[in-house]
Amino acid sequence: MTHPQDQPDPWSAHGDPVIGYEQPDFDQSAAPPPPVQPRRSRAALFIGIGVAAAVLLGGGAFAAVRLWTAPTGVEPEQVLPGTVAAFARIDLDPALSQQKQLLDLVRKFPGRKGTTADVKRDLIDEANIPGLTYDAAKPWLGDRLGIALWKTDSGYVTLYALASTDDSGAKAALAKAKLTFELSDGYAVVAVPVGDAKAPSAALDAVRVTKKLAATDAYTSVVKKLPANQVAIGWADGPGVLAAGKSLKEGFPATLDGQSVGQVALGVQAVPDGLELRVAQSVPSTLVPKNDLVKQLETLPGNAAVAAVVQPLNDSPTIKKSMDDAFDAQVDQQLGALRGLLDKKTLDTVLGGIKGLFGATLSVAVTDLVHPAVQVTADGPDEATAGKLRASLGLFKALVDVDGTGQKTTITYGDYHPQGALADNELYRAAMAGRPATTSVVGYADMRKVFAASTTMTDEERADLAPVQALGVMVGADGALVRLVIR
């Protein structure tokens, strides 16, 4: 383990980029690190990857196939300890088949040359590692970067695994930045604490002596559910993440059970027209899909900026109990202001009717984001439940239009003008390609309309992200698929 001796404490109050908590000031007397470089183009960060052009040189048929279908070399998960609670990594030197796809995608963005240098600069600058800039890391920084959360009794440590092509150069740069780090198997592992200034040493001890993350069943059992050759991987241990959050008192619900979440993995791959993000989990979802909701989604208006369909949440006993508990404990309190306006019978009607939404299949279509126009259709389990819902929502007729017969209830807000059907929208079809046979949640967003309606984006940012045109979300029995259409 390497760390400076007899130096002022190096830590400064930079916000941590992974979880979002603020790092406290451990020693205000320490010299501040160099200013963080201004944020560069969002494009590379949005797609999360970038590659340099690769050339396949001889070496035999087996070697060629191996290089084309799988990455080689040590990955960050083979260096970081198995005791981390969450982990993510990007491989900018993936298998050659992915390099070609990625290079094509990167070049679709304005001003992007399709090199790793731009992406690595964005990633290092966004990471805000105290005292370390991309210019200082550039001479020795390799093409693989990992980041992990390592829990302590009073907070956590962020571990950065930076691939090193020159350990001597890495050692000099990190020592100059007064960072605590460990050189291990071609990586510089940097430890940045939150909540416990002494924790980095313990975290790096774990790097040296603990079984690596890639060797743990908690990691491999869920990551193996993803397709091979992922450019980026994210992983989280539910109990570990919740324990870290609760130790910092950062608003994690006390009733949330990490065991019910288990471990979750996310993988990113390039496809000819964009990116596919796949989510897998160790614990099967209790909301078991019953139908192909995409068939219902594609009947919604073709001019929808955002559309979604969700199967009844009450289909899951676990979700139903959580929703009922939350409703009984919190909703009544939030509606306290109505007690002075409504008698108890009317208030009970409102609450009982709204609760019926949990047992309905919900369809949502938004046709205008600038001047909100939305329609929600609730297909309830029976006419009686739907009738109660319409009765309760009728009390808000000054805000919304409520209509419906039988089991269906329609709630409309704003100047809603549907046109056509999503099934006839080519961009929608591209976003929803490869869907599972059955789904519990599906959604679509026309990102062109989302960006145009944003009040926080600049014209430059809109132009920068113009190639990102649509988003499709499909949650199935074995995980989820998210598709970004990039053209």
Protein backbone atom coordinates (compact mmCIF):
# COMPACT_ATOMS: atom_id res chain seq x y z
CA MET A 1 0.00 0.00 0.00
CA THR A 2 1.27 3.46 -0.87
CA HIS A 3 0.32 6.68 0.90
CA PRO A 4 2.08 9.93 1.81
CA GLN A 5 3.67 10.28 5.22
CA ASP A 6 3.53 13.37 7.42
CA GLN A 7 1.52 15.30 4.89
CA PRO A 8 -1.55 17.48 5.46
CA ASP A 9 -4.74 15.50 4.98
CA PRO A 10 -5.42 15.57 1.24
CA TRP A 11 -9.18 15.19 1.24
CA SER A 12 -11.32 18.07 0.13
CA ALA A 13 -15.07 18.60 -0.04
CA HIS A 14 -15.77 17.50 -3.58
CA GLY A 15 -19.14 15.82 -4.12
CA ASP A 16 -18.79 12.10 -4.78
CA PRO A 17 -19.87 11.35 -8.35
CA VAL A 18 -21.18 7.82 -7.77
CA ILE A 19 -23.66 8.01 -4.93
CA GLY A 20 -24.12 11.75 -4.74
CA TYR A 21 -23.25 12.37 -1.11
CA GLU A 22 -21.00 15.28 -0.16
CA GLN A 23 -17.51 14.58 1.11
CA PRO A 24 -16.87 16.42 4.40
CA ASP A 25 -13.85 18.62 5.05
CA PHE A 26 -11.32 16.47 6.89
CA ASP A 27 -8.61 19.12 7.05
CA GLN A 28 -9.24 22.65 5.95
CA SER A 29 -5.53 23.43 6.27
CA ALA A 30 -4.63 21.12 3.40
CA ALA A 31 -3.75 22.76 0.13
CA PRO A 32 -6.71 22.56 -2.25
CA PRO A 33 -6.36 20.37 -5.31
CA PRO A 34 -6.17 21.92 -8.76
CA PRO A 35 -9.52 23.20 -10.04
CA VAL A 36 -11.74 20.56 -11.57
CA GLN A 37 -11.74 20.83 -15.34
CA PRO A 38 -15.01 22.14 -16.77
CA ARG A 39 -17.47 19.50 -17.90
CA ARG A 40 -16.97 18.57 -21.51
CA SER A 41 -19.43 17.23 -24.01
CA ARG A 42 -22.20 15.14 -22.51
CA ALA A 43 -22.32 12.87 -25.52
CA ALA A 44 -19.58 10.48 -24.47
CA LEU A 45 -20.88 10.29 -20.91
CA PHE A 46 -24.40 9.74 -22.16
CA ILE A 47 -23.47 6.68 -24.14
CA GLY A 48 -20.92 5.71 -21.49
CA ILE A 49 -18.22 4.43 -23.85
CA GLY A 50 -15.78 5.27 -26.63
CA VAL A 51 -13.09 3.30 -28.40
CA ALA A 52 -10.02 3.73 -30.52
CA ALA A 53 -9.87 2.03 -33.91
CA ALA A 54 -8.36 -1.44 -33.66
CA VAL A 55 -6.38 -3.45 -36.19
CA LEU A 56 -6.40 -7.22 -36.12
CA LEU A 57 -2.94 -8.59 -36.86
CA GLY A 58 -2.31 -12.29 -37.73
CA GLY A 59 -1.85 -14.89 -35.04
CA GLY A 60 -3.94 -17.87 -36.03
CA ALA A 61 -7.63 -18.61 -36.33
CA PHE A 62 -8.27 -19.23 -32.63
CA ALA A 63 -6.60 -15.98 -31.59
CA ALA A 64 -8.57 -14.08 -34.20
CA VAL A 65 -11.89 -15.50 -33.02
CA ARG A 66 -10.97 -14.80 -29.40
CA LEU A 67 -10.09 -11.19 -30.10
CA TRP A 68 -13.25 -10.71 -32.14
CA THR A 69 -15.66 -12.17 -29.58
CA ALA A 70 -14.18 -11.44 -26.14
CA PRO A 71 -11.95 -8.90 -24.41
CA THR A 72 -8.53 -9.93 -23.13
CA GLY A 73 -6.54 -8.86 -20.08
CA VAL A 74 -7.39 -8.06 -16.47
CA GLU A 75 -10.70 -6.31 -15.76
CA PRO A 76 -11.29 -4.02 -12.73
CA GLU A 77 -13.47 -6.62 -10.97
CA GLN A 78 -10.43 -8.90 -10.88
CA VAL A 79 -8.56 -6.30 -8.81
CA LEU A 80 -11.19 -4.84 -6.48
CA PRO A 81 -12.18 -6.67 -3.27
CA GLY A 82 -15.23 -8.90 -3.10
CA THR A 83 -16.47 -6.97 -0.06
CA VAL A 84 -17.58 -3.91 -2.07
CA ALA A 85 -21.30 -3.08 -2.04
CA ALA A 86 -21.53 -1.67 -5.56
CA PHE A 87 -19.33 -1.62 -8.64
CA ALA A 88 -19.22 -0.28 -12.20
CA ARG A 89 -16.63 -0.45 -14.94
CA ILE A 90 -16.08 0.62 -18.52
CA ASP A 91 -13.84 -1.27 -20.91
CA LEU A 92 -12.59 1.00 -23.68
CA ASP A 93 -10.65 -1.92 -25.16
CA PRO A 94 -13.43 -4.50 -25.66
CA ALA A 95 -13.62 -7.33 -28.17
CA LEU A 96 -13.08 -6.21 -31.74
CA SER A 97 -16.70 -6.88 -32.70
CA GLN A 98 -17.79 -4.30 -30.13
CA GLN A 99 -15.02 -1.87 -31.08
CA LYS A 100 -16.41 -1.55 -34.59
CA GLN A 101 -19.97 -1.02 -33.36
CA LEU A 102 -18.85 1.52 -30.79
CA LEU A 103 -16.66 3.42 -33.20
CA ASP A 104 -19.62 3.82 -35.54
CA LEU A 105 -21.81 5.10 -32.68
CA VAL A 106 -19.28 7.56 -31.31
CA ARG A 107 -18.80 9.13 -34.74
CA LYS A 108 -22.51 9.95 -34.91
CA PHE A 109 -22.06 12.62 -32.24
CA PRO A 110 -20.96 16.13 -33.28
CA GLY A 111 -17.24 16.68 -32.91
CA ARG A 112 -16.50 13.13 -31.79
CA LYS A 113 -13.63 11.35 -33.49
CA GLY A 114 -14.25 7.95 -32.01
CA THR A 115 -11.09 7.86 -29.88
CA THR A 116 -10.66 6.79 -26.29
CA ALA A 117 -8.90 10.03 -25.35
CA ASP A 118 -12.07 12.15 -25.41
CA VAL A 119 -13.99 9.61 -23.36
CA LYS A 120 -11.24 9.12 -20.78
CA ARG A 121 -10.96 12.88 -20.29
CA ASP A 122 -14.71 13.09 -19.68
CA LEU A 123 -14.66 10.17 -17.25
CA ILE A 124 -11.69 11.40 -15.18
CA ASP A 125 -12.98 14.97 -15.05
CA GLU A 126 -16.46 13.79 -14.02
CA ALA A 127 -15.02 11.49 -11.35
CA ASN A 128 -13.62 14.48 -9.44
CA ILE A 129 -10.85 12.43 -7.83
CA PRO A 130 -9.31 15.03 -5.47
CA GLY A 131 -6.15 16.51 -6.96
CA LEU A 132 -6.11 14.33 -10.09
CA THR A 133 -6.80 15.78 -13.53
CA TYR A 134 -6.93 13.98 -16.84
CA ASP A 135 -3.78 15.76 -18.02
CA ALA A 136 -1.91 14.33 -15.03
CA ALA A 137 -3.30 10.83 -15.65
CA LYS A 138 -3.04 10.80 -19.45
CA PRO A 139 0.59 9.55 -19.73
CA TRP A 140 -0.13 6.35 -17.79
CA LEU A 141 -3.90 5.82 -17.91
CA GLY A 142 -5.03 2.63 -19.64
CA ASP A 143 -8.35 1.81 -21.29
CA ARG A 144 -10.20 0.20 -18.38
CA LEU A 145 -11.72 2.08 -15.47
CA GLY A 146 -13.68 0.78 -12.49
CA ILE A 147 -15.34 2.37 -9.49
CA ALA A 148 -16.73 0.71 -6.35
CA LEU A 149 -18.32 1.49 -3.00
CA TRP A 150 -16.65 -0.10 0.05
CA LYS A 151 -18.65 0.24 3.28
CA THR A 152 -17.20 1.22 6.65
CA ASP A 153 -18.87 1.49 10.07
CA SER A 154 -19.29 5.25 9.70
CA GLY A 155 -19.56 5.78 5.96
CA TYR A 156 -17.95 4.36 2.87
CA VAL A 157 -14.88 4.58 0.66
CA THR A 158 -15.00 5.10 -3.08
CA LEU A 159 -12.43 2.89 -4.79
CA TYR A 160 -11.26 3.86 -8.27
CA ALA A 161 -9.49 1.16 -10.31
CA LEU A 162 -7.54 2.91 -13.06
CA ALA A 163 -5.74 0.71 -15.57
CA SER A 164 -2.06 1.66 -15.67
CA THR A 165 0.32 1.37 -18.61
CA ASP A 166 3.18 2.82 -16.53
CA ASP A 167 3.17 2.04 -12.80
CA SER A 168 6.06 4.42 -12.12
CA GLY A 169 4.22 7.28 -13.79
CA ALA A 170 1.00 6.41 -11.97
CA LYS A 171 2.81 6.29 -8.63
CA ALA A 172 4.39 9.70 -9.19
CA ALA A 173 1.14 11.36 -10.28
CA LEU A 174 -0.97 9.92 -7.45
CA ALA A 175 1.66 10.73 -4.82
CA LYS A 176 1.82 14.30 -6.11
CA ALA A 177 -1.96 14.52 -5.73
CA LYS A 178 -1.56 13.26 -2.13
CA LEU A 179 -3.88 10.33 -2.78
CA THR A 180 -3.93 7.02 -0.94
CA PHE A 181 -3.52 4.22 -3.46
CA GLU A 182 -2.36 0.69 -4.19
CA LEU A 183 -0.68 -0.61 -7.35
CA SER A 184 -2.13 -4.02 -8.15
CA ASP A 185 -1.97 -6.23 -11.24
CA GLY A 186 -1.76 -3.41 -13.77
CA TYR A 187 -4.11 -1.05 -11.93
CA ALA A 188 -3.78 1.95 -9.65
CA VAL A 189 -6.51 1.55 -7.01
CA VAL A 190 -7.28 4.93 -5.41
CA ALA A 191 -9.29 5.21 -2.17
CA VAL A 192 -11.37 8.33 -1.40
CA PRO A 193 -13.32 8.34 1.90
CA VAL A 194 -16.69 9.68 2.93
CA GLY A 195 -17.41 9.85 6.65
CA ASP A 196 -14.19 8.26 7.93
CA ALA A 197 -10.81 9.82 7.11
CA LYS A 198 -8.93 6.70 8.25
CA ALA A 199 -10.91 4.29 6.11
CA PRO A 200 -8.79 4.37 2.90
CA SER A 201 -6.00 2.35 4.50
CA ALA A 202 -8.46 -0.36 5.54
CA ALA A 203 -10.04 -0.38 2.09
CA LEU A 204 -6.67 -0.85 0.40
CA ASP A 205 -5.78 -3.58 2.88
CA ALA A 206 -8.89 -5.33 1.56
CA VAL A 207 -7.58 -4.88 -1.99
CA ARG A 208 -4.44 -6.78 -0.99
CA VAL A 209 -5.86 -9.61 1.09
CA THR A 210 -9.56 -10.11 0.25
CA LYS A 211 -10.96 -12.42 -2.42
CA LYS A 212 -11.58 -10.41 -5.55
CA LEU A 213 -15.05 -9.38 -6.64
CA ALA A 214 -14.83 -11.42 -9.86
CA ALA A 215 -14.29 -14.56 -7.75
CA THR A 216 -17.39 -14.13 -5.57
CA ASP A 217 -20.64 -15.97 -6.22
CA ALA A 218 -22.64 -12.83 -5.39
CA TYR A 219 -21.07 -11.15 -8.42
CA THR A 220 -20.64 -13.96 -10.92
CA SER A 221 -24.04 -15.58 -10.35
CA VAL A 222 -25.92 -12.50 -11.56
CA VAL A 223 -23.42 -11.09 -14.08
CA LYS A 224 -23.37 -14.39 -15.96
CA LYS A 225 -27.05 -13.83 -16.77
CA LEU A 226 -26.01 -10.96 -19.03
CA PRO A 227 -24.97 -11.62 -22.63
CA ALA A 228 -21.23 -12.05 -23.15
CA ASN A 229 -18.94 -9.22 -24.22
CA GLN A 230 -20.37 -6.31 -22.24
CA VAL A 231 -18.59 -2.98 -22.76
CA ALA A 232 -19.79 -1.63 -19.42
CA ILE A 233 -21.04 -3.47 -16.35
CA GLY A 234 -22.71 -2.22 -13.21
CA TRP A 235 -23.39 -4.37 -10.15
CA ALA A 236 -24.91 -3.74 -6.73
CA ASP A 237 -25.44 -5.84 -3.62
CA GLY A 238 -28.83 -4.80 -2.24
CA PRO A 239 -28.10 -5.40 1.47
CA GLY A 240 -24.68 -3.75 1.20
CA VAL A 241 -25.91 -0.63 -0.56
CA LEU A 242 -28.80 -0.17 1.86
CA ALA A 243 -26.49 -0.65 4.85
CA ALA A 244 -24.13 2.01 3.51
CA GLY A 245 -26.97 4.42 2.86
CA LYS A 246 -28.57 3.93 6.26
CA SER A 247 -25.22 4.37 8.04
CA LEU A 248 -25.03 7.84 6.51
CA LYS A 249 -28.70 8.54 7.29
CA GLU A 250 -29.28 9.58 3.70
CA GLY A 251 -33.00 9.00 3.60
CA PHE A 252 -33.10 5.28 2.81
CA PRO A 253 -36.48 3.92 3.96
CA ALA A 254 -36.09 2.00 7.20
CA THR A 255 -38.55 -0.62 5.94
CA LEU A 256 -36.68 -1.30 2.69
CA ASP A 257 -35.29 -4.83 2.74
CA GLY A 258 -32.05 -5.38 0.86
CA GLN A 259 -32.54 -9.14 0.92
CA SER A 260 -35.65 -8.75 -1.25
CA VAL A 261 -33.52 -6.88 -3.78
CA GLY A 262 -30.58 -9.28 -3.76
CA GLN A 263 -27.88 -8.52 -6.31
CA VAL A 264 -28.50 -6.59 -9.52
CA ALA A 265 -26.30 -6.38 -12.62
CA LEU A 266 -26.49 -4.09 -15.63
CA GLY A 267 -24.63 -4.59 -18.90
CA VAL A 268 -24.16 -2.31 -21.90
CA GLN A 269 -23.54 -3.41 -25.49
CA ALA A 270 -23.43 -1.57 -28.80
CA VAL A 271 -25.83 -2.53 -31.58
CA PRO A 272 -25.97 -1.11 -35.12
CA ASP A 273 -28.53 1.58 -34.27
CA GLY A 274 -27.68 2.36 -30.66
CA LEU A 275 -27.07 0.82 -27.27
CA GLU A 276 -28.73 -2.01 -25.37
CA LEU A 277 -28.75 -2.00 -21.58
CA ARG A 278 -29.76 -5.26 -19.95
CA VAL A 279 -30.60 -5.69 -16.28
CA ALA A 280 -30.44 -9.01 -14.43
CA GLN A 281 -31.13 -9.77 -10.77
CA SER A 282 -30.45 -12.64 -8.42
CA VAL A 283 -33.91 -12.56 -6.84
CA PRO A 284 -36.80 -13.17 -9.27
CA SER A 285 -39.25 -10.31 -9.50
CA THR A 286 -42.44 -10.83 -7.55
CA LEU A 287 -44.30 -8.93 -10.28
CA VAL A 288 -44.51 -11.87 -12.67
CA PRO A 289 -45.40 -10.80 -16.23
CA LYS A 290 -48.67 -12.22 -17.53
CA ASN A 291 -49.05 -10.62 -20.95
CA ASP A 292 -47.16 -8.94 -23.76
CA LEU A 293 -47.84 -5.34 -22.74
CA VAL A 294 -46.05 -4.05 -25.84
CA LYS A 295 -49.16 -5.01 -27.82
CA GLN A 296 -51.11 -2.60 -25.65
CA LEU A 297 -48.40 0.07 -25.75
CA GLU A 298 -48.36 0.15 -29.55
CA THR A 299 -52.06 1.10 -29.62
CA LEU A 300 -51.30 4.38 -27.83
CA PRO A 301 -51.02 7.60 -29.91
CA GLY A 302 -48.28 7.69 -32.52
CA ASN A 303 -47.51 11.31 -31.61
CA ALA A 304 -46.84 10.47 -27.95
CA ALA A 305 -43.66 11.97 -26.53
CA VAL A 306 -43.79 9.51 -23.63
CA ALA A 307 -45.93 6.38 -23.26
CA ALA A 308 -46.03 3.49 -20.80
CA VAL A 309 -48.09 0.50 -19.71
CA VAL A 310 -47.82 -1.15 -16.26
CA GLN A 311 -49.54 -4.34 -15.18
CA PRO A 312 -51.45 -4.27 -11.85
CA LEU A 313 -49.03 -3.75 -8.97
CA ASN A 314 -51.33 -5.83 -6.79
CA ASP A 315 -50.28 -8.86 -8.86
CA SER A 316 -47.21 -8.95 -6.62
CA PRO A 317 -48.00 -9.82 -2.98
CA THR A 318 -44.79 -8.11 -1.88
CA ILE A 319 -45.51 -4.90 -3.78
CA LYS A 320 -49.16 -4.95 -2.69
CA LYS A 321 -48.19 -5.13 0.97
CA SER A 322 -45.61 -2.36 0.56
CA MET A 323 -48.09 -0.16 -1.30
CA ASP A 324 -50.84 -0.79 1.25
CA ASP A 325 -48.51 -0.05 4.16
CA ALA A 326 -47.23 3.13 2.52
CA PHE A 327 -50.73 4.23 1.62
CA ASP A 328 -52.13 3.66 5.08
CA ALA A 329 -49.14 5.21 6.87
CA GLN A 330 -48.38 8.20 4.65
CA VAL A 331 -51.10 9.07 2.16
CA ASP A 332 -53.68 9.93 4.79
CA GLN A 333 -51.12 12.23 6.40
CA GLN A 334 -50.32 13.89 3.07
CA LEU A 335 -54.03 14.48 2.44
CA GLY A 336 -54.49 16.04 5.84
CA ALA A 337 -55.29 19.38 4.23
CA LEU A 338 -58.43 17.84 2.74
CA ARG A 339 -59.85 17.00 6.15
CA GLY A 340 -61.04 20.55 6.56
CA LEU A 341 -62.68 20.50 3.13
CA LEU A 342 -64.19 17.01 2.97
CA ASP A 343 -66.26 15.01 5.41
CA LYS A 344 -64.97 11.60 6.52
CA LYS A 345 -67.24 9.64 4.15
CA THR A 346 -66.11 11.65 1.13
CA LEU A 347 -62.47 11.43 2.15
CA ASP A 348 -62.76 7.65 2.55
CA THR A 349 -64.30 7.51 -0.93
CA VAL A 350 -61.35 9.43 -2.38
CA LEU A 351 -58.75 7.26 -0.68
CA GLY A 352 -60.52 3.99 -1.43
CA GLY A 353 -61.01 4.87 -5.07
CA ILE A 354 -57.42 5.94 -5.64
CA LYS A 355 -56.22 2.77 -3.94
CA GLY A 356 -58.03 0.86 -6.67
CA LEU A 357 -55.38 2.06 -9.13
CA PHE A 358 -53.00 -0.52 -7.64
CA GLY A 359 -55.20 -3.30 -9.00
CA ALA A 360 -55.53 -1.86 -12.51
CA THR A 361 -53.46 -2.11 -15.67
CA LEU A 362 -52.35 1.48 -16.29
CA SER A 363 -51.69 3.03 -19.69
CA VAL A 364 -50.17 6.51 -19.91
CA ALA A 365 -49.63 8.69 -22.99
CA VAL A 366 -48.19 12.22 -22.99
CA THR A 367 -48.65 14.07 -26.27
CA ASP A 368 -47.28 17.45 -25.17
CA LEU A 369 -44.46 18.04 -22.69
CA VAL A 370 -44.28 21.83 -23.02
CA HIS A 371 -47.96 22.37 -22.25
CA PRO A 372 -48.64 19.09 -20.42
CA ALA A 373 -51.28 16.97 -22.12
CA VAL A 374 -51.70 13.45 -20.79
CA GLN A 375 -54.22 10.64 -20.72
CA VAL A 376 -54.23 7.76 -18.22
CA THR A 377 -56.38 4.68 -18.73
CA ALA A 378 -56.99 2.33 -15.79
CA ASP A 379 -58.30 -1.12 -16.70
CA GLY A 380 -59.52 -2.36 -13.32
CA PRO A 381 -60.23 -5.88 -12.06
CA ASP A 382 -64.01 -5.35 -12.01
CA GLU A 383 -66.75 -2.79 -12.60
CA ALA A 384 -67.25 -2.08 -8.89
CA THR A 385 -63.62 -1.08 -8.36
CA ALA A 386 -63.67 1.05 -11.51
CA GLY A 387 -66.85 2.74 -10.34
CA LYS A 388 -65.25 3.70 -7.03
CA LEU A 389 -62.24 5.10 -8.88
CA ARG A 390 -64.44 7.25 -11.14
CA ALA A 391 -66.42 8.47 -8.15
CA SER A 392 -63.28 9.50 -6.27
CA LEU A 393 -61.67 11.19 -9.27
CA GLY A 394 -64.91 12.98 -10.04
CA LEU A 395 -64.20 15.20 -7.05
CA PHE A 396 -61.30 16.65 -9.05
CA LYS A 397 -63.30 17.41 -12.20
CA ALA A 398 -62.05 21.00 -12.15
CA LEU A 399 -58.55 19.65 -12.87
CA VAL A 400 -59.12 16.53 -14.99
CA ASP A 401 -61.75 14.99 -17.22
CA VAL A 402 -62.90 11.57 -16.01
CA ASP A 403 -64.75 9.15 -18.26
CA GLY A 404 -65.22 5.43 -18.73
CA THR A 405 -67.57 2.49 -18.61
CA GLY A 406 -67.35 -1.01 -17.22
CA GLN A 407 -63.87 -1.83 -15.94
CA LYS A 408 -62.13 1.03 -17.77
CA THR A 409 -61.57 4.56 -16.50
CA THR A 410 -59.96 7.35 -18.50
CA ILE A 411 -58.39 10.43 -16.91
CA THR A 412 -57.38 13.28 -19.24
CA TYR A 413 -55.42 16.41 -18.41
CA GLY A 414 -54.57 19.32 -20.70
CA ASP A 415 -55.14 19.77 -24.42
CA TYR A 416 -54.80 16.11 -25.36
CA HIS A 417 -54.86 15.43 -29.12
CA PRO A 418 -53.87 11.85 -30.07
CA GLN A 419 -52.82 11.09 -33.63
CA GLY A 420 -52.24 7.68 -35.17
CA ALA A 421 -50.74 4.72 -33.31
CA LEU A 422 -47.25 3.94 -32.06
CA ALA A 423 -47.33 0.68 -34.01
CA ASP A 424 -46.98 2.77 -37.18
CA ASN A 425 -44.08 4.83 -35.79
CA GLU A 426 -40.77 3.53 -37.19
CA LEU A 427 -38.72 5.10 -34.40
CA TYR A 428 -40.93 3.39 -31.81
CA ARG A 429 -40.46 0.02 -33.49
CA ALA A 430 -36.68 0.44 -33.39
CA ALA A 431 -36.76 1.33 -29.70
CA MET A 432 -38.88 -1.69 -28.77
CA ALA A 433 -36.99 -4.30 -30.83
CA GLY A 434 -36.05 -7.56 -29.14
CA ARG A 435 -38.71 -7.39 -26.44
CA PRO A 436 -39.34 -10.33 -24.07
CA ALA A 437 -42.34 -12.56 -24.76
CA THR A 438 -44.14 -11.26 -21.66
CA THR A 439 -43.63 -7.97 -19.84
CA SER A 440 -44.77 -6.32 -16.61
CA VAL A 441 -43.66 -2.76 -17.44
CA VAL A 442 -43.03 -1.20 -20.86
CA GLY A 443 -42.27 2.37 -21.83
CA TYR A 444 -41.24 4.54 -24.76
CA ALA A 445 -39.86 8.07 -25.04
CA ASP A 446 -39.21 10.16 -28.14
CA MET A 447 -35.99 11.76 -26.92
CA ARG A 448 -36.16 14.44 -29.61
CA LYS A 449 -39.34 15.76 -27.99
CA VAL A 450 -37.94 15.29 -24.48
CA PHE A 451 -34.83 17.34 -25.28
CA ALA A 452 -36.86 20.01 -27.09
CA ALA A 453 -39.12 20.44 -24.05
CA SER A 454 -36.30 20.57 -21.50
CA THR A 455 -35.96 23.89 -19.70
CA THR A 456 -32.51 23.06 -18.32
CA MET A 457 -30.67 22.08 -21.50
CA THR A 458 -28.82 24.60 -23.66
CA ASP A 459 -29.07 24.68 -27.45
CA GLU A 460 -25.51 23.38 -27.57
CA GLU A 461 -26.42 20.41 -25.38
CA ARG A 462 -29.46 19.66 -27.53
CA ALA A 463 -27.30 19.66 -30.64
CA ASP A 464 -24.73 17.49 -28.88
CA LEU A 465 -27.33 14.86 -28.01
CA ALA A 466 -29.30 15.07 -31.25
CA PRO A 467 -28.24 11.53 -32.34
CA VAL A 468 -30.02 10.07 -29.28
CA GLN A 469 -33.53 9.82 -30.71
CA ALA A 470 -35.56 7.29 -28.72
CA LEU A 471 -35.67 5.18 -25.58
CA GLY A 472 -37.47 1.88 -25.08
CA VAL A 473 -37.93 0.07 -21.75
CA MET A 474 -39.13 -3.53 -21.42
CA VAL A 475 -39.25 -5.39 -18.08
CA GLY A 476 -39.67 -9.14 -18.41
CA ALA A 477 -39.58 -12.19 -16.18
CA ASP A 478 -35.79 -12.54 -16.16
CA GLY A 479 -34.74 -8.89 -16.16
CA ALA A 480 -35.09 -5.75 -18.20
CA LEU A 481 -34.02 -4.47 -21.60
CA VAL A 482 -33.47 -0.77 -22.30
CA ARG A 483 -32.72 0.34 -25.87
CA LEU A 484 -31.30 3.71 -26.87
CA VAL A 485 -31.75 4.49 -30.55
CA ILE A 486 -28.76 6.53 -31.78
CA ARG A 487 -28.77 7.74 -35.38
